[in-house]
Amino acid sequence: MKDEGYRARMKDDIQRMKKITKPNINAGENEANALILEFQNGFHIKNDARMLLFFRENQDSMKWLEEFNRSARINQYIDEYKLQVVSGYLQGTAGQ
């Protein structure tokens, strides 16, 4: 009998703790989600300008690079991001 009373009190205590902590957890989670969303929006990479592919055969590499950089500026790419994606725009022998 003593054991059942203890378990019932523990169960009640756990339920009270859940009620107390749940709003705080949700509030913290909402704040964190809002902060993450704000951070993502601040560093959002746009893709408004079309990025041209480079094949090399009869293309002027300097002209292509200038166009790539112009489009990257319009899209607000940072240098690190440009380095990550540039290989995807190099086709054929240029991409090897």
Protein backbone atom coordinates (compact mmCIF):
# COMPACT_ATOMS: atom_id res chain seq x y z
CA MET A 1 0.00 0.00 0.00
CA LYS A 2 2.76 2.40 0.92
CA ASP A 3 4.37 1.76 -2.48
CA GLU A 4 1.13 2.59 -4.36
CA GLY A 5 0.80 5.94 -2.58
CA TYR A 6 4.39 6.80 -3.43
CA ARG A 7 3.85 5.92 -7.09
CA ALA A 8 0.66 7.99 -7.23
CA ARG A 9 2.46 11.01 -5.73
CA MET A 10 5.35 10.57 -8.16
CA LYS A 11 2.92 10.37 -11.07
CA ASP A 12 1.20 13.56 -9.88
CA ASP A 13 4.56 15.30 -9.45
CA ILE A 14 5.62 14.32 -12.97
CA GLN A 15 2.35 15.62 -14.43
CA ARG A 16 2.78 18.94 -12.58
CA MET A 17 6.36 19.25 -13.82
CA LYS A 18 5.23 18.63 -17.41
CA LYS A 19 2.61 21.37 -17.10
CA ILE A 20 5.15 23.80 -15.67
CA THR A 21 7.97 23.12 -18.12
CA LYS A 22 6.00 22.65 -21.35
CA PRO A 23 5.12 26.35 -21.87
CA ASN A 24 8.73 27.34 -21.17
CA ILE A 25 10.05 24.77 -23.62
CA ASN A 26 7.56 25.89 -26.28
CA ALA A 27 8.42 29.56 -25.73
CA GLY A 28 12.13 28.80 -26.03
CA GLU A 29 11.54 26.69 -29.10
CA ASN A 30 9.49 29.45 -30.72
CA GLU A 31 12.21 32.01 -29.98
CA ALA A 32 14.87 29.71 -31.42
CA ASN A 33 12.80 29.07 -34.56
CA ALA A 34 12.24 32.81 -35.04
CA LEU A 35 15.97 33.47 -34.63
CA ILE A 36 16.87 30.75 -37.13
CA LEU A 37 14.36 32.10 -39.64
CA GLU A 38 15.73 35.64 -39.22
CA PHE A 39 19.28 34.33 -39.69
CA GLN A 40 18.30 32.39 -42.82
CA ASN A 41 16.55 35.40 -44.31
CA GLY A 42 19.61 37.56 -43.66
CA PHE A 43 21.84 35.19 -45.58
CA HIS A 44 19.33 34.08 -48.19
CA ILE A 45 20.98 33.34 -51.49
CA LYS A 46 18.92 34.48 -54.43
CA ASN A 47 18.86 32.90 -57.84
CA ASP A 48 17.44 35.78 -59.87
CA ALA A 49 20.19 35.97 -62.49
CA ARG A 50 20.77 33.03 -64.79
CA MET A 51 24.21 31.48 -64.47
CA LEU A 52 25.75 30.51 -67.83
CA LEU A 53 27.51 27.20 -68.43
CA PHE A 54 31.10 27.15 -69.66
CA PHE A 55 32.06 24.52 -72.25
CA ARG A 56 35.46 25.91 -73.27
CA GLU A 57 35.46 24.87 -76.92
CA ASN A 58 34.90 28.26 -78.50
CA GLN A 59 33.97 30.38 -75.49
CA ASP A 60 36.04 33.24 -74.17
CA SER A 61 36.94 32.17 -70.61
CA MET A 62 37.46 35.74 -69.36
CA LYS A 63 34.12 36.85 -70.76
CA TRP A 64 32.43 33.85 -69.13
CA LEU A 65 34.10 34.59 -65.78
CA GLU A 66 32.98 38.23 -65.92
CA GLU A 67 29.42 37.10 -66.67
CA PHE A 68 29.57 34.51 -63.87
CA ASN A 69 30.73 37.16 -61.40
CA ARG A 70 28.09 39.63 -62.60
CA SER A 71 25.34 37.05 -62.14
CA ALA A 72 26.79 36.04 -58.77
CA ARG A 73 26.68 39.70 -57.63
CA ILE A 74 23.03 39.98 -58.70
CA ASN A 75 22.26 36.73 -56.85
CA GLN A 76 24.18 38.02 -53.81
CA TYR A 77 26.54 35.05 -53.73
CA ILE A 78 29.40 35.37 -51.28
CA ASP A 79 32.87 34.29 -52.44
CA GLU A 80 32.73 31.02 -50.47
CA TYR A 81 29.43 30.10 -52.11
CA LYS A 82 30.76 30.96 -55.58
CA LEU A 83 33.64 28.53 -55.00
CA GLN A 84 31.17 25.83 -53.97
CA VAL A 85 28.96 26.14 -57.06
CA VAL A 86 31.33 27.16 -59.87
CA SER A 87 32.23 23.57 -60.75
CA GLY A 88 28.58 22.88 -61.50
CA TYR A 89 28.71 25.44 -64.30
CA LEU A 90 31.82 23.97 -65.93
CA GLN A 91 30.83 21.43 -68.58
CA GLY A 92 32.76 19.08 -70.84
CA THR A 93 36.55 19.31 -70.65
CA ALA A 94 36.30 22.46 -68.52
CA GLY A 95 34.59 20.50 -65.75
CA GLN A 96 37.15 17.71 -65.65
